């Protein structure tokens, strides 16, 4: 053990006789080792082309690629080939429902769903005339519509009486369905079709959904289902 210690001391005292050699390069003992960044062979700042662009480049004689090649290129970043000037030149097709008479009296949200508008004679029997037209009859058959609604109300009194609440209210609506007794062509107010009172009778009698459309400044929209 002592001889080993003497040998080590001799190597430290006489460096020319030692077997130790200095390192080939200076070793950095402070800080973390720096990472060497790998430089890619190609670096591109452009976007990845779309699939249709790749197909067009492989088929330059196609009709689609020829159409795109005629579009003038402009400076600035943009996606696709649509420019601001092209978008402004598009003309919107006229909406067909705008040609329907009295379409302005229908709420705007419902106008695209209107296919036809029937204008019946305005003799205060117009509500019953509309029902006759909807059933495929002549509008002068509005008296037949009145009698059908009367039979519906009389034959199912037990169903309608809870809706109207009292016998007096039930009789008032029943009398309003009867045709006017006067020879005048204009129906009095008490013979008008009031959807608030008669909407359920119409829907149940003909098994149809009755919808009343009105502008907000005139009234409210109402829907009646068969009972």
Protein backbone atom coordinates (compact mmCIF):
# COMPACT_ATOMS: atom_id res chain seq x y z
CA UNK A 1 0.00 0.00 0.00
CA UNK A 2 2.85 2.33 0.90
CA UNK A 3 4.64 1.54 -2.30
CA UNK A 4 1.53 2.41 -4.28
CA UNK A 5 1.24 5.76 -2.53
CA UNK A 6 4.92 6.51 -3.21
CA UNK A 7 4.46 5.70 -6.86
CA UNK A 8 1.56 8.13 -7.17
CA UNK A 9 3.48 10.89 -5.39
CA UNK A 10 6.44 10.35 -7.72
CA UNK A 11 4.16 10.71 -10.75
CA UNK A 12 2.87 14.01 -9.41
CA UNK A 13 6.36 15.26 -8.63
CA UNK A 14 7.99 14.19 -11.88
CA UNK A 15 5.49 14.90 -14.62
CA UNK A 16 7.83 13.89 -17.40
CA UNK A 17 7.79 10.32 -16.12
CA UNK A 18 3.98 10.06 -15.71
CA UNK A 19 1.68 8.27 -18.12
CA UNK A 20 -1.08 10.91 -17.82
CA UNK A 21 -1.60 13.14 -20.86
CA UNK A 22 -3.66 16.35 -21.26
CA UNK A 23 -7.05 16.04 -23.02
CA UNK A 24 -7.04 16.57 -26.81
CA UNK A 25 -9.45 19.61 -26.50
CA UNK A 26 -10.55 21.90 -23.76
CA UNK A 27 -13.44 20.47 -21.79
CA UNK A 28 -16.12 22.99 -20.75
CA UNK A 29 -17.07 22.21 -17.18
CA UNK A 30 -19.59 25.08 -16.65
CA UNK A 31 -23.12 25.32 -18.09
CA UNK A 32 -25.21 22.84 -20.02
CA UNK A 33 -23.85 21.54 -23.29
CA UNK A 34 -25.12 23.45 -26.32
CA UNK A 35 -27.40 21.61 -28.68
CA UNK A 36 -26.41 21.54 -32.26
CA UNK A 37 -29.37 22.53 -34.46
CA UNK A 38 -29.83 20.40 -37.50
CA UNK A 39 -30.35 22.49 -40.58
CA UNK A 40 -32.89 20.99 -42.98
CA UNK A 41 -31.96 20.69 -46.58
CA UNK A 42 -35.03 22.64 -47.74
CA UNK A 43 -36.95 25.31 -45.89
CA UNK A 44 -40.13 26.70 -47.44
CA UNK A 45 -42.35 29.52 -46.21
CA UNK A 46 -45.22 28.61 -48.56
CA UNK A 47 -48.37 26.73 -47.58
CA UNK A 48 -49.05 23.08 -48.33
CA UNK A 49 -50.97 22.91 -51.63
CA UNK A 50 -54.56 21.66 -51.67
CA UNK A 51 -55.37 18.33 -53.25
CA UNK A 52 -57.18 19.96 -56.16
CA UNK A 53 -54.10 22.10 -56.82
CA UNK A 54 -51.92 18.99 -56.97
CA UNK A 55 -54.35 17.34 -59.38
CA UNK A 56 -54.48 20.47 -61.57
CA UNK A 57 -50.70 20.64 -61.69
CA UNK A 58 -50.58 17.01 -62.82
CA UNK A 59 -53.28 17.62 -65.46
CA UNK A 60 -52.58 21.07 -66.94
CA UNK A 61 -54.86 20.46 -69.95
CA UNK A 62 -58.01 20.00 -67.88
CA UNK A 63 -60.88 22.50 -68.12
CA UNK A 64 -60.71 23.46 -64.46
CA UNK A 65 -57.00 24.32 -64.57
CA UNK A 66 -57.47 26.41 -67.70
CA UNK A 67 -60.24 28.38 -66.04
CA UNK A 68 -58.05 29.08 -63.01
CA UNK A 69 -55.09 30.13 -65.14
CA UNK A 70 -57.13 32.96 -66.64
CA UNK A 71 -57.68 34.59 -63.25
CA UNK A 72 -55.32 37.59 -62.86
CA UNK A 73 -52.94 37.34 -59.94
CA UNK A 74 -52.79 40.19 -57.44
CA UNK A 75 -50.38 40.98 -54.64
CA UNK A 76 -51.27 40.28 -51.06
CA UNK A 77 -51.97 37.20 -48.99
CA UNK A 78 -55.16 35.38 -49.85
CA UNK A 79 -56.54 31.87 -49.92
CA UNK A 80 -57.95 30.55 -53.15
CA UNK A 81 -58.44 32.63 -56.28
CA UNK A 82 -61.49 34.72 -55.34
CA UNK A 83 -60.68 38.42 -55.12
CA UNK A 84 -62.71 41.27 -53.66
CA UNK A 85 -63.62 42.59 -57.08
CA UNK A 86 -64.98 39.19 -58.15
CA UNK A 87 -67.18 38.91 -55.06
CA UNK A 88 -68.70 42.33 -55.62
CA UNK A 89 -69.80 41.49 -59.17
CA UNK A 90 -72.06 38.62 -58.10
CA UNK A 91 -75.73 39.35 -58.63
CA UNK A 92 -78.31 37.75 -56.35
CA UNK A 93 -81.21 35.99 -58.02
CA UNK A 94 -84.63 37.56 -57.45
CA UNK A 95 -86.66 35.69 -54.86
CA UNK A 96 -89.77 34.18 -56.49
CA UNK A 97 -92.06 34.72 -53.50
CA UNK A 98 -91.67 38.49 -53.82
CA UNK A 99 -93.97 38.37 -56.85
CA UNK A 100 -96.88 36.95 -54.81
CA UNK A 101 -99.59 39.59 -54.17
CA UNK A 102 -99.89 40.91 -50.62
CA UNK A 103 -96.69 39.11 -49.57
CA UNK A 104 -95.77 42.22 -47.59
CA UNK A 105 -98.62 41.38 -45.18
CA UNK A 106 -96.88 38.12 -44.21
CA UNK A 107 -94.16 38.05 -41.51
CA UNK A 108 -90.74 38.14 -43.18
CA UNK A 109 -89.56 34.87 -41.63
CA UNK A 110 -92.48 33.00 -43.26
CA UNK A 111 -92.34 34.56 -46.73
CA UNK A 112 -89.97 31.97 -48.33
CA UNK A 113 -92.50 29.22 -47.48
CA UNK A 114 -95.49 30.88 -49.15
CA UNK A 115 -96.34 29.25 -52.51
CA UNK A 116 -99.70 30.85 -53.30
CA UNK A 117 -101.90 33.68 -52.11
CA UNK A 118 -105.66 33.66 -52.78
CA UNK A 119 -107.52 36.97 -52.69
CA UNK A 120 -111.25 36.32 -52.11
CA UNK A 121 -114.15 38.73 -52.24
CA UNK A 122 -114.20 41.14 -49.33
CA UNK A 123 -117.87 41.00 -48.26
CA UNK A 124 -117.08 40.09 -44.62
CA UNK A 125 -117.68 36.41 -45.48
CA UNK A 126 -114.04 36.29 -46.57
CA UNK A 127 -112.92 33.92 -43.80
CA UNK A 128 -115.42 31.26 -44.86
CA UNK A 129 -114.62 31.91 -48.53
CA UNK A 130 -110.93 31.16 -47.85
CA UNK A 131 -111.87 27.80 -46.30
CA UNK A 132 -113.99 26.93 -49.34
CA UNK A 133 -111.10 27.73 -51.69
CA UNK A 134 -108.70 25.68 -49.59
CA UNK A 135 -111.04 22.68 -49.86
CA UNK A 136 -111.11 22.97 -53.64
CA UNK A 137 -114.61 24.45 -53.84
CA UNK A 138 -115.76 27.72 -55.30
CA UNK A 139 -115.57 30.58 -52.83
CA UNK A 140 -119.34 31.11 -53.18
CA UNK A 141 -119.72 27.80 -51.33
CA UNK A 142 -118.91 29.58 -48.08
CA UNK A 143 -122.49 28.85 -46.88
CA UNK A 144 -121.73 25.11 -47.05
CA UNK A 145 -118.67 25.73 -44.91
CA UNK A 146 -120.80 27.49 -42.31
CA UNK A 147 -123.23 24.54 -42.11
CA UNK A 148 -120.37 22.05 -41.77
CA UNK A 149 -118.93 24.00 -38.85
CA UNK A 150 -122.36 24.26 -37.23
CA UNK A 151 -122.80 20.48 -37.39
CA UNK A 152 -119.32 19.97 -35.97
CA UNK A 153 -120.05 22.25 -33.02
CA UNK A 154 -123.51 20.74 -32.29
CA UNK A 155 -122.46 17.10 -32.62
CA UNK A 156 -119.44 17.50 -30.32
CA UNK A 157 -120.76 19.98 -27.81
CA UNK A 158 -119.21 18.07 -24.91
CA UNK A 159 -115.75 18.57 -26.46
CA UNK A 160 -116.09 22.30 -27.13
CA UNK A 161 -117.99 23.40 -24.04
CA UNK A 162 -114.91 23.09 -21.75
CA UNK A 163 -112.97 25.26 -24.20
CA UNK A 164 -115.52 28.08 -24.20
CA UNK A 165 -116.33 27.77 -20.50
CA UNK A 166 -120.01 28.74 -20.42
CA UNK A 167 -123.23 27.94 -22.29
CA UNK A 168 -123.63 31.62 -23.12
CA UNK A 169 -120.24 31.74 -24.84
CA UNK A 170 -120.97 28.49 -26.69
CA UNK A 171 -124.32 29.82 -27.98
CA UNK A 172 -122.71 33.12 -29.06
CA UNK A 173 -120.18 31.30 -31.24
CA UNK A 174 -122.83 28.95 -32.62
CA UNK A 175 -125.03 31.90 -33.64
CA UNK A 176 -122.04 33.53 -35.33
CA UNK A 177 -121.63 30.52 -37.60
CA UNK A 178 -125.16 30.79 -38.98
CA UNK A 179 -125.44 32.67 -42.29
CA UNK A 180 -126.78 36.25 -42.15
CA UNK A 181 -130.54 36.50 -42.38
CA UNK A 182 -130.51 39.89 -44.12
CA UNK A 183 -130.52 40.10 -47.89
CA UNK A 184 -127.52 42.42 -47.87
CA UNK A 185 -124.37 40.96 -49.37
CA UNK A 186 -122.30 42.32 -46.49
CA UNK A 187 -122.17 40.16 -43.37
CA UNK A 188 -122.55 41.96 -40.02
CA UNK A 189 -119.75 41.89 -37.46
CA UNK A 190 -121.35 39.14 -35.36
CA UNK A 191 -121.25 36.84 -38.42
CA UNK A 192 -117.54 37.23 -39.11
CA UNK A 193 -115.12 34.33 -38.81
CA UNK A 194 -113.11 34.92 -35.63
CA UNK A 195 -110.17 32.52 -35.55
CA UNK A 196 -109.72 32.94 -31.80
CA UNK A 197 -113.18 31.39 -31.29
CA UNK A 198 -113.54 29.21 -34.39
CA UNK A 199 -109.98 28.10 -35.20
CA UNK A 200 -110.30 24.78 -33.29
CA UNK A 201 -113.68 24.08 -34.92
CA UNK A 202 -112.22 24.50 -38.42
CA UNK A 203 -109.14 22.40 -37.64
CA UNK A 204 -111.21 19.56 -36.14
CA UNK A 205 -113.98 19.59 -38.74
CA UNK A 206 -111.61 19.32 -41.71
CA UNK A 207 -108.66 17.66 -39.91
CA UNK A 208 -106.33 20.45 -40.93
CA UNK A 209 -103.84 22.67 -39.12
CA UNK A 210 -105.10 26.25 -39.21
CA UNK A 211 -102.45 28.97 -39.11
CA UNK A 212 -103.13 32.69 -38.95
CA UNK A 213 -100.20 34.88 -40.00
CA UNK A 214 -100.11 38.57 -39.14
CA UNK A 215 -97.54 41.33 -38.87
CA UNK A 216 -96.51 42.35 -35.32
CA UNK A 217 -98.10 45.79 -35.68
CA UNK A 218 -101.43 44.23 -36.72
CA UNK A 219 -101.80 41.19 -34.46
CA UNK A 220 -100.19 37.89 -33.47
CA UNK A 221 -99.64 34.64 -35.33
CA UNK A 222 -101.90 31.82 -34.18
CA UNK A 223 -101.94 28.05 -34.77
CA UNK A 224 -104.93 25.75 -34.17
CA UNK A 225 -104.78 21.95 -34.07
CA UNK A 226 -107.63 19.40 -34.22
CA UNK A 227 -108.95 18.46 -30.79
